[in-house]
Amino acid sequence: MKETVSVYLFLCLCGLSSSFYRRHFYVTQRMQWNDAQTYCREHYDDLSTTTTQELKKMTSNPNLIDRYVWVGAYQNPANSSEWFWSGGEKQPVEQWNPGEPNLLDREKCANIYKGKSGLTNNPCDKTLSFYCMDYYETIVVQESKTWEEALDDCRQNYVDLVSIASERNMAEVIKNITTSQTAYVWTGLRFLAGDWFWVSGDDIGYEAWSVEGELQCPTKNLKCGALDIKNKVWKPADCEERLNFVCIKN
């Protein structure tokens, strides 16, 4: 059984010219670190690489069944003080809890600790649940469609309409949609049952509404979220308006 944690982080991969999203999936099946790595590479991209921001959400996941949960950091066999990410990312492994890592001669794989926003280390043959990750990139579709049509197009041809989870995320999306043929583009924001939400299931932690602010009770048709490219803000829009749109793709 797999549990999905709605964590989107926007980052740039070393050596690549485009920017990517990273999404984490919590797998409740318990495995040793090497087996978990194999599982993640078969079903996703790899064991999870994390940042401090991601760790806070991952460690507070209410669906965690273990106190310790594997992620993708492991000890360099040639240097016990050096740690790498299974996915090959160049970002340093430095988000350790106080006093960690320790017992370096036998605890050579890293995990998160439930309720604490840092890493600890454990013997690699310990059987734990774990986090896998997938990478996605954004693409602007230069076709003018209603919000529902844009959602269907993204889900049929890519993965989903885009979610925007941070200021950095917003800046990178803006930078990558300069080819849009409309002043606004559809995002995955939708208003239903009294709340705005991302259709991908991601949390709305970061917000970038226009001067008018978030409409708690938008008029009949202003229930779809568009991104104003020039002013770099979100705005409620008529769902029947025809706009270009931003998808995420593998």
C-alpha atoms as a PDB file:
ATOM      1  CA  MET A   1       0.000   0.000   0.000  1.00  0.00           C
ATOM      2  CA  LYS A   2       1.276   3.480  -0.864  1.00  0.00           C
ATOM      3  CA  GLU A   3       0.436   6.736   0.863  1.00  0.00           C
ATOM      4  CA  THR A   4       1.071  10.007  -0.993  1.00  0.00           C
ATOM      5  CA  VAL A   5       2.276  13.095   0.840  1.00  0.00           C
ATOM      6  CA  SER A   6       1.409  16.253  -1.050  1.00  0.00           C
ATOM      7  CA  VAL A   7       4.835  17.832  -1.099  1.00  0.00           C
ATOM      8  CA  TYR A   8       5.885  19.888  -4.118  1.00  0.00           C
ATOM      9  CA  LEU A   9       9.269  21.548  -4.125  1.00  0.00           C
ATOM     10  CA  PHE A  10      10.609  23.517  -7.069  1.00  0.00           C
ATOM     11  CA  LEU A  11      14.302  23.208  -7.800  1.00  0.00           C
ATOM     12  CA  CYS A  12      16.877  23.241 -10.559  1.00  0.00           C
ATOM     13  CA  LEU A  13      18.849  20.104 -11.254  1.00  0.00           C
ATOM     14  CA  CYS A  14      22.584  20.527 -11.737  1.00  0.00           C
ATOM     15  CA  GLY A  15      23.531  20.258 -15.385  1.00  0.00           C
ATOM     16  CA  LEU A  16      19.989  20.701 -16.707  1.00  0.00           C
ATOM     17  CA  SER A  17      18.619  23.889 -18.212  1.00  0.00           C
ATOM     18  CA  SER A  18      14.988  23.384 -17.156  1.00  0.00           C
ATOM     19  CA  SER A  19      13.456  23.383 -13.669  1.00  0.00           C
ATOM     20  CA  PHE A  20      11.770  20.471 -11.971  1.00  0.00           C
ATOM     21  CA  TYR A  21       9.228  19.629  -9.332  1.00  0.00           C
ATOM     22  CA  ARG A  22       9.938  16.921  -6.822  1.00  0.00           C
ATOM     23  CA  ARG A  23       7.094  14.938  -5.267  1.00  0.00           C
ATOM     24  CA  HIS A  24       7.341  12.429  -2.451  1.00  0.00           C
ATOM     25  CA  PHE A  25       5.414   9.197  -1.927  1.00  0.00           C
ATOM     26  CA  TYR A  26       5.267   7.424   1.409  1.00  0.00           C
ATOM     27  CA  VAL A  27       5.450   3.632   1.087  1.00  0.00           C
ATOM     28  CA  THR A  28       4.212   1.749   4.152  1.00  0.00           C
ATOM     29  CA  GLN A  29       5.813  -1.572   3.229  1.00  0.00           C
ATOM     30  CA  ARG A  30       8.887  -2.117   5.429  1.00  0.00           C
ATOM     31  CA  MET A  31      12.222  -2.901   3.742  1.00  0.00           C
ATOM     32  CA  GLN A  32      15.949  -2.656   4.290  1.00  0.00           C
ATOM     33  CA  TRP A  33      17.517   0.474   2.759  1.00  0.00           C
ATOM     34  CA  ASN A  34      18.935  -1.289  -0.328  1.00  0.00           C
ATOM     35  CA  ASP A  35      15.605  -3.011  -1.044  1.00  0.00           C
ATOM     36  CA  ALA A  36      13.757   0.277  -0.578  1.00  0.00           C
ATOM     37  CA  GLN A  37      16.117   1.907  -3.058  1.00  0.00           C
ATOM     38  CA  THR A  38      15.425  -0.854  -5.601  1.00  0.00           C
ATOM     39  CA  TYR A  39      11.668  -0.519  -5.071  1.00  0.00           C
ATOM     40  CA  CYS A  40      11.756   3.256  -5.564  1.00  0.00           C
ATOM     41  CA  ARG A  41      13.833   2.965  -8.732  1.00  0.00           C
ATOM     42  CA  GLU A  42      11.383   0.426 -10.155  1.00  0.00           C
ATOM     43  CA  HIS A  43       8.187   2.339  -9.303  1.00  0.00           C
ATOM     44  CA  TYR A  44       9.316   5.990  -9.099  1.00  0.00           C
ATOM     45  CA  ASP A  45      12.616   7.791  -9.708  1.00  0.00           C
ATOM     46  CA  ASP A  46      14.528   7.007  -6.516  1.00  0.00           C
ATOM     47  CA  LEU A  47      14.554   7.165  -2.728  1.00  0.00           C
ATOM     48  CA  SER A  48      13.737  10.707  -1.643  1.00  0.00           C
ATOM     49  CA  THR A  49      16.201  13.549  -1.632  1.00  0.00           C
ATOM     50  CA  THR A  50      15.033  16.205   0.829  1.00  0.00           C
ATOM     51  CA  THR A  51      15.497  19.804   1.843  1.00  0.00           C
ATOM     52  CA  THR A  52      14.670  21.354   5.211  1.00  0.00           C
ATOM     53  CA  GLN A  53      11.346  22.598   3.865  1.00  0.00           C
ATOM     54  CA  GLU A  54      10.414  19.150   2.599  1.00  0.00           C
ATOM     55  CA  LEU A  55      11.503  17.442   5.809  1.00  0.00           C
ATOM     56  CA  LYS A  56       9.068  19.504   7.871  1.00  0.00           C
ATOM     57  CA  LYS A  57       6.139  18.158   5.862  1.00  0.00           C
ATOM     58  CA  MET A  58       7.460  14.625   5.578  1.00  0.00           C
ATOM     59  CA  THR A  59       8.092  14.218   9.317  1.00  0.00           C
ATOM     60  CA  SER A  60       4.646  15.604  10.199  1.00  0.00           C
ATOM     61  CA  ASN A  61       2.801  13.241   7.847  1.00  0.00           C
ATOM     62  CA  PRO A  62      -0.042  11.788  10.003  1.00  0.00           C
ATOM     63  CA  ASN A  63       0.081   8.530   8.017  1.00  0.00           C
ATOM     64  CA  LEU A  64       3.584   7.572   9.173  1.00  0.00           C
ATOM     65  CA  ILE A  65       3.527   4.090  10.717  1.00  0.00           C
ATOM     66  CA  ASP A  66       7.157   4.107  11.915  1.00  0.00           C
ATOM     67  CA  ARG A  67       9.195   6.459  14.089  1.00  0.00           C
ATOM     68  CA  TYR A  68      12.053   6.130  11.574  1.00  0.00           C
ATOM     69  CA  VAL A  69      11.472   6.290   7.792  1.00  0.00           C
ATOM     70  CA  TRP A  70      14.142   5.736   5.132  1.00  0.00           C
ATOM     71  CA  VAL A  71      15.145   8.499   2.709  1.00  0.00           C
ATOM     72  CA  GLY A  72      17.876   8.524   0.067  1.00  0.00           C
ATOM     73  CA  ALA A  73      21.002   9.607   1.980  1.00  0.00           C
ATOM     74  CA  TYR A  74      23.781   7.079   2.517  1.00  0.00           C
ATOM     75  CA  GLN A  75      27.367   7.081   3.753  1.00  0.00           C
ATOM     76  CA  ASN A  76      30.279   7.201   1.317  1.00  0.00           C
ATOM     77  CA  PRO A  77      31.940   3.753   1.686  1.00  0.00           C
ATOM     78  CA  ALA A  78      35.357   5.395   1.232  1.00  0.00           C
ATOM     79  CA  ASN A  79      34.813   8.243   3.719  1.00  0.00           C
ATOM     80  CA  SER A  80      32.581   7.769   6.769  1.00  0.00           C
ATOM     81  CA  SER A  81      32.119  11.527   7.252  1.00  0.00           C
ATOM     82  CA  GLU A  82      30.736  12.083   3.732  1.00  0.00           C
ATOM     83  CA  TRP A  83      27.137  11.394   2.720  1.00  0.00           C
ATOM     84  CA  PHE A  84      25.491  11.201  -0.713  1.00  0.00           C
ATOM     85  CA  TRP A  85      21.947  11.181  -2.085  1.00  0.00           C
ATOM     86  CA  SER A  86      20.789   8.035  -3.866  1.00  0.00           C
ATOM     87  CA  GLY A  87      19.344  10.138  -6.701  1.00  0.00           C
ATOM     88  CA  GLY A  88      22.750  11.667  -7.463  1.00  0.00           C
ATOM     89  CA  GLU A  89      21.804  15.256  -6.570  1.00  0.00           C
ATOM     90  CA  LYS A  90      24.690  17.548  -5.674  1.00  0.00           C
ATOM     91  CA  GLN A  91      22.931  19.239  -2.757  1.00  0.00           C
ATOM     92  CA  PRO A  92      24.726  18.520   0.549  1.00  0.00           C
ATOM     93  CA  VAL A  93      23.350  16.135   3.164  1.00  0.00           C
ATOM     94  CA  GLU A  94      23.288  18.504   6.105  1.00  0.00           C
ATOM     95  CA  GLN A  95      19.812  18.501   7.679  1.00  0.00           C
ATOM     96  CA  TRP A  96      20.829  16.315  10.635  1.00  0.00           C
ATOM     97  CA  ASN A  97      19.111  16.267  14.010  1.00  0.00           C
ATOM     98  CA  PRO A  98      21.368  17.328  16.941  1.00  0.00           C
ATOM     99  CA  GLY A  99      23.992  14.688  17.682  1.00  0.00           C
ATOM    100  CA  GLU A 100      23.569  13.010  14.284  1.00  0.00           C
ATOM    101  CA  PRO A 101      25.002  11.250  12.421  1.00  0.00           C
ATOM    102  CA  ASN A 102      26.597   8.953  15.008  1.00  0.00           C
ATOM    103  CA  LEU A 103      27.885   5.368  15.264  1.00  0.00           C
ATOM    104  CA  LEU A 104      29.333   5.825  11.780  1.00  0.00           C
ATOM    105  CA  ASP A 105      30.990   2.408  11.741  1.00  0.00           C
ATOM    106  CA  ARG A 106      27.641   0.615  11.582  1.00  0.00           C
ATOM    107  CA  GLU A 107      24.819   3.129  10.924  1.00  0.00           C
ATOM    108  CA  LYS A 108      25.427   4.004   7.289  1.00  0.00           C
ATOM    109  CA  CYS A 109      21.960   4.888   5.938  1.00  0.00           C
ATOM    110  CA  ALA A 110      19.789   7.916   6.709  1.00  0.00           C
ATOM    111  CA  ASN A 111      16.182   8.248   7.753  1.00  0.00           C
ATOM    112  CA  ILE A 112      13.826  10.919   8.953  1.00  0.00           C
ATOM    113  CA  TYR A 113      12.578  10.890  12.541  1.00  0.00           C
ATOM    114  CA  LYS A 114       8.818  11.262  13.074  1.00  0.00           C
ATOM    115  CA  GLY A 115       7.987  14.634  14.590  1.00  0.00           C
ATOM    116  CA  LYS A 116      11.521  16.036  14.176  1.00  0.00           C
ATOM    117  CA  SER A 117      12.519  18.004  11.093  1.00  0.00           C
ATOM    118  CA  GLY A 118      15.942  16.458  10.601  1.00  0.00           C
ATOM    119  CA  LEU A 119      17.821  13.321   9.613  1.00  0.00           C
ATOM    120  CA  THR A 120      19.209  10.494  11.741  1.00  0.00           C
ATOM    121  CA  ASN A 121      21.217   7.428  10.725  1.00  0.00           C
ATOM    122  CA  ASN A 122      20.518   3.725  11.238  1.00  0.00           C
ATOM    123  CA  PRO A 123      21.972   0.363  10.178  1.00  0.00           C
ATOM    124  CA  CYS A 124      21.064  -0.210   6.518  1.00  0.00           C
ATOM    125  CA  ASP A 125      19.638  -3.674   7.260  1.00  0.00           C
ATOM    126  CA  LYS A 126      16.937  -2.248   9.530  1.00  0.00           C
ATOM    127  CA  THR A 127      13.457  -2.721   8.006  1.00  0.00           C
ATOM    128  CA  LEU A 128      11.533   0.560   7.793  1.00  0.00           C
ATOM    129  CA  SER A 129       8.852   2.202   5.695  1.00  0.00           C
ATOM    130  CA  PHE A 130      10.276   4.783   3.290  1.00  0.00           C
ATOM    131  CA  TYR A 131       9.828   7.756   0.981  1.00  0.00           C
ATOM    132  CA  CYS A 132      10.229   7.579  -2.792  1.00  0.00           C
ATOM    133  CA  MET A 133      10.266  10.570  -5.133  1.00  0.00           C
ATOM    134  CA  ASP A 134       9.320  11.472  -8.683  1.00  0.00           C
ATOM    135  CA  TYR A 135      10.479  14.472 -10.724  1.00  0.00           C
ATOM    136  CA  TYR A 136       8.242  16.574 -12.953  1.00  0.00           C
ATOM    137  CA  GLU A 137       8.817  19.655 -15.109  1.00  0.00           C
ATOM    138  CA  THR A 138       6.472  22.451 -16.192  1.00  0.00           C
ATOM    139  CA  ILE A 139       5.276  23.091 -19.714  1.00  0.00           C
ATOM    140  CA  VAL A 140       3.111  25.932 -21.023  1.00  0.00           C
ATOM    141  CA  VAL A 141       0.516  24.743 -23.528  1.00  0.00           C
ATOM    142  CA  GLN A 142      -0.109  27.394 -26.187  1.00  0.00           C
ATOM    143  CA  GLU A 143      -3.737  26.503 -26.761  1.00  0.00           C
ATOM    144  CA  SER A 144      -6.652  28.517 -25.414  1.00  0.00           C
ATOM    145  CA  LYS A 145      -9.057  26.358 -23.451  1.00  0.00           C
ATOM    146  CA  THR A 146     -11.545  26.602 -20.600  1.00  0.00           C
ATOM    147  CA  TRP A 147     -10.295  25.539 -17.190  1.00  0.00           C
ATOM    148  CA  GLU A 148     -11.992  22.128 -17.377  1.00  0.00           C
ATOM    149  CA  GLU A 149     -10.621  21.556 -20.891  1.00  0.00           C
ATOM    150  CA  ALA A 150      -7.143  22.533 -19.700  1.00  0.00           C
ATOM    151  CA  LEU A 151      -7.403  20.110 -16.773  1.00  0.00           C
ATOM    152  CA  ASP A 152      -8.467  17.275 -19.093  1.00  0.00           C
ATOM    153  CA  ASP A 153      -5.637  18.089 -21.527  1.00  0.00           C
ATOM    154  CA  CYS A 154      -2.981  18.076 -18.777  1.00  0.00           C
ATOM    155  CA  ARG A 155      -4.211  14.799 -17.321  1.00  0.00           C
ATOM    156  CA  GLN A 156      -4.518  13.090 -20.684  1.00  0.00           C
ATOM    157  CA  ASN A 157      -1.224  14.252 -22.179  1.00  0.00           C
ATOM    158  CA  TYR A 158       0.988  15.088 -19.190  1.00  0.00           C
ATOM    159  CA  VAL A 159       0.329  14.695 -15.434  1.00  0.00           C
ATOM    160  CA  ASP A 160      -1.798  17.564 -14.092  1.00  0.00           C
ATOM    161  CA  LEU A 161      -2.337  21.318 -14.019  1.00  0.00           C
ATOM    162  CA  VAL A 162       0.481  23.075 -12.189  1.00  0.00           C
ATOM    163  CA  SER A 163       0.525  23.763  -8.437  1.00  0.00           C
ATOM    164  CA  ILE A 164       2.548  26.673  -7.011  1.00  0.00           C
ATOM    165  CA  ALA A 165       3.924  25.939  -3.549  1.00  0.00           C
ATOM    166  CA  SER A 166       6.485  28.663  -2.801  1.00  0.00           C
ATOM    167  CA  GLU A 167       7.818  32.080  -3.833  1.00  0.00           C
ATOM    168  CA  ARG A 168      10.714  30.410  -5.596  1.00  0.00           C
ATOM    169  CA  ASN A 169       8.251  28.075  -7.294  1.00  0.00           C
ATOM    170  CA  MET A 170       6.270  31.103  -8.470  1.00  0.00           C
ATOM    171  CA  ALA A 171       9.355  32.848  -9.855  1.00  0.00           C
ATOM    172  CA  GLU A 172      10.456  29.787 -11.798  1.00  0.00           C
ATOM    173  CA  VAL A 173       6.974  29.196 -13.236  1.00  0.00           C
ATOM    174  CA  ILE A 174       6.818  32.829 -14.370  1.00  0.00           C
ATOM    175  CA  LYS A 175      10.243  32.514 -15.988  1.00  0.00           C
ATOM    176  CA  ASN A 176       9.231  29.384 -17.858  1.00  0.00           C
ATOM    177  CA  ILE A 177       5.912  30.637 -19.270  1.00  0.00           C
ATOM    178  CA  THR A 178       7.088  33.705 -21.183  1.00  0.00           C
ATOM    179  CA  THR A 179       5.968  31.995 -24.392  1.00  0.00           C
ATOM    180  CA  SER A 180       2.307  32.123 -23.328  1.00  0.00           C
ATOM    181  CA  GLN A 181       0.032  33.735 -25.899  1.00  0.00           C
ATOM    182  CA  THR A 182      -2.421  34.951 -23.237  1.00  0.00           C
ATOM    183  CA  ALA A 183      -1.833  37.443 -20.410  1.00  0.00           C
ATOM    184  CA  TYR A 184      -3.124  34.929 -17.889  1.00  0.00           C
ATOM    185  CA  VAL A 185      -2.642  31.171 -17.746  1.00  0.00           C
ATOM    186  CA  TRP A 186      -4.687  28.497 -16.024  1.00  0.00           C
ATOM    187  CA  THR A 187      -3.253  26.817 -12.950  1.00  0.00           C
ATOM    188  CA  GLY A 188      -4.587  23.963 -10.822  1.00  0.00           C
ATOM    189  CA  LEU A 189      -6.400  26.316  -8.415  1.00  0.00           C
ATOM    190  CA  ARG A 190     -10.114  25.611  -7.992  1.00  0.00           C
ATOM    191  CA  PHE A 191     -12.878  26.781  -5.667  1.00  0.00           C
ATOM    192  CA  LEU A 192     -15.415  24.213  -4.476  1.00  0.00           C
ATOM    193  CA  ALA A 193     -17.391  23.647  -1.277  1.00  0.00           C
ATOM    194  CA  GLY A 194     -16.246  26.922   0.265  1.00  0.00           C
ATOM    195  CA  ASP A 195     -12.492  26.535  -0.222  1.00  0.00           C
ATOM    196  CA  TRP A 196      -9.703  27.103  -2.744  1.00  0.00           C
ATOM    197  CA  PHE A 197      -7.499  24.057  -3.334  1.00  0.00           C
ATOM    198  CA  TRP A 198      -4.969  22.585  -5.768  1.00  0.00           C
ATOM    199  CA  VAL A 199      -6.545  19.852  -7.894  1.00  0.00           C
ATOM    200  CA  SER A 200      -3.308  17.844  -7.595  1.00  0.00           C
ATOM    201  CA  GLY A 201      -3.970  17.494  -3.864  1.00  0.00           C
ATOM    202  CA  ASP A 202      -1.048  19.676  -2.795  1.00  0.00           C
ATOM    203  CA  ASP A 203      -1.315  21.929   0.249  1.00  0.00           C
ATOM    204  CA  ILE A 204      -1.965  25.652  -0.139  1.00  0.00           C
ATOM    205  CA  GLY A 205       0.755  26.947   2.156  1.00  0.00           C
ATOM    206  CA  TYR A 206       2.153  29.693  -0.065  1.00  0.00           C
ATOM    207  CA  GLU A 207      -0.332  32.249  -1.499  1.00  0.00           C
ATOM    208  CA  ALA A 208       0.069  35.000  -4.096  1.00  0.00           C
ATOM    209  CA  TRP A 209      -3.374  36.503  -4.618  1.00  0.00           C
ATOM    210  CA  SER A 210      -3.909  39.819  -6.408  1.00  0.00           C
ATOM    211  CA  VAL A 211      -4.634  43.082  -4.549  1.00  0.00           C
ATOM    212  CA  GLU A 212      -8.297  42.121  -4.268  1.00  0.00           C
ATOM    213  CA  GLY A 213      -7.154  39.115  -2.259  1.00  0.00           C
ATOM    214  CA  GLU A 214      -8.509  35.611  -2.003  1.00  0.00           C
ATOM    215  CA  LEU A 215     -12.251  35.577  -2.611  1.00  0.00           C
ATOM    216  CA  GLN A 216     -13.908  33.552   0.140  1.00  0.00           C
ATOM    217  CA  CYS A 217     -17.182  33.522  -1.764  1.00  0.00           C
ATOM    218  CA  PRO A 218     -16.454  34.173  -5.454  1.00  0.00           C
ATOM    219  CA  THR A 219     -19.292  34.928  -7.835  1.00  0.00           C
ATOM    220  CA  LYS A 220     -20.770  32.091  -9.825  1.00  0.00           C
ATOM    221  CA  ASN A 221     -18.117  31.753 -12.519  1.00  0.00           C
ATOM    222  CA  LEU A 222     -14.985  33.166 -10.818  1.00  0.00           C
ATOM    223  CA  LYS A 223     -14.046  29.836  -9.296  1.00  0.00           C
ATOM    224  CA  CYS A 224     -10.911  28.918 -11.243  1.00  0.00           C
ATOM    225  CA  GLY A 225      -7.430  30.215 -10.486  1.00  0.00           C
ATOM    226  CA  ALA A 226      -5.354  31.930 -13.182  1.00  0.00           C
ATOM    227  CA  LEU A 227      -1.815  33.282 -12.984  1.00  0.00           C
ATOM    228  CA  ASP A 228      -1.360  36.913 -14.060  1.00  0.00           C
ATOM    229  CA  ILE A 229       2.015  36.748 -15.820  1.00  0.00           C
ATOM    230  CA  LYS A 230       2.772  40.483 -15.841  1.00  0.00           C
ATOM    231  CA  ASN A 231       1.786  41.225 -12.235  1.00  0.00           C
ATOM    232  CA  LYS A 232       2.909  37.836 -10.912  1.00  0.00           C
ATOM    233  CA  VAL A 233      -0.216  37.174  -8.886  1.00  0.00           C
ATOM    234  CA  TRP A 234      -3.116  34.723  -8.783  1.00  0.00           C
ATOM    235  CA  LYS A 235      -6.595  35.874  -9.682  1.00  0.00           C
ATOM    236  CA  PRO A 236     -10.035  34.249  -9.618  1.00  0.00           C
ATOM    237  CA  ALA A 237     -11.279  33.922 -13.191  1.00  0.00           C
ATOM    238  CA  ASP A 238     -14.310  32.766 -15.115  1.00  0.00           C
ATOM    239  CA  CYS A 239     -13.833  29.033 -15.634  1.00  0.00           C
ATOM    240  CA  GLU A 240     -15.253  29.369 -19.168  1.00  0.00           C
ATOM    241  CA  GLU A 241     -12.612  31.896 -20.210  1.00  0.00           C
ATOM    242  CA  ARG A 242     -10.188  30.522 -22.779  1.00  0.00           C
ATOM    243  CA  LEU A 243      -6.539  30.765 -21.731  1.00  0.00           C
ATOM    244  CA  ASN A 244      -3.215  29.057 -22.272  1.00  0.00           C
ATOM    245  CA  PHE A 245      -2.332  26.783 -19.348  1.00  0.00           C
ATOM    246  CA  VAL A 246       0.580  25.245 -17.463  1.00  0.00           C
ATOM    247  CA  CYS A 247       0.942  21.493 -16.977  1.00  0.00           C
ATOM    248  CA  ILE A 248       3.475  19.363 -15.176  1.00  0.00           C
ATOM    249  CA  LYS A 249       4.995  16.413 -17.014  1.00  0.00           C
ATOM    250  CA  ASN A 250       7.359  13.529 -16.249  1.00  0.00           C
END
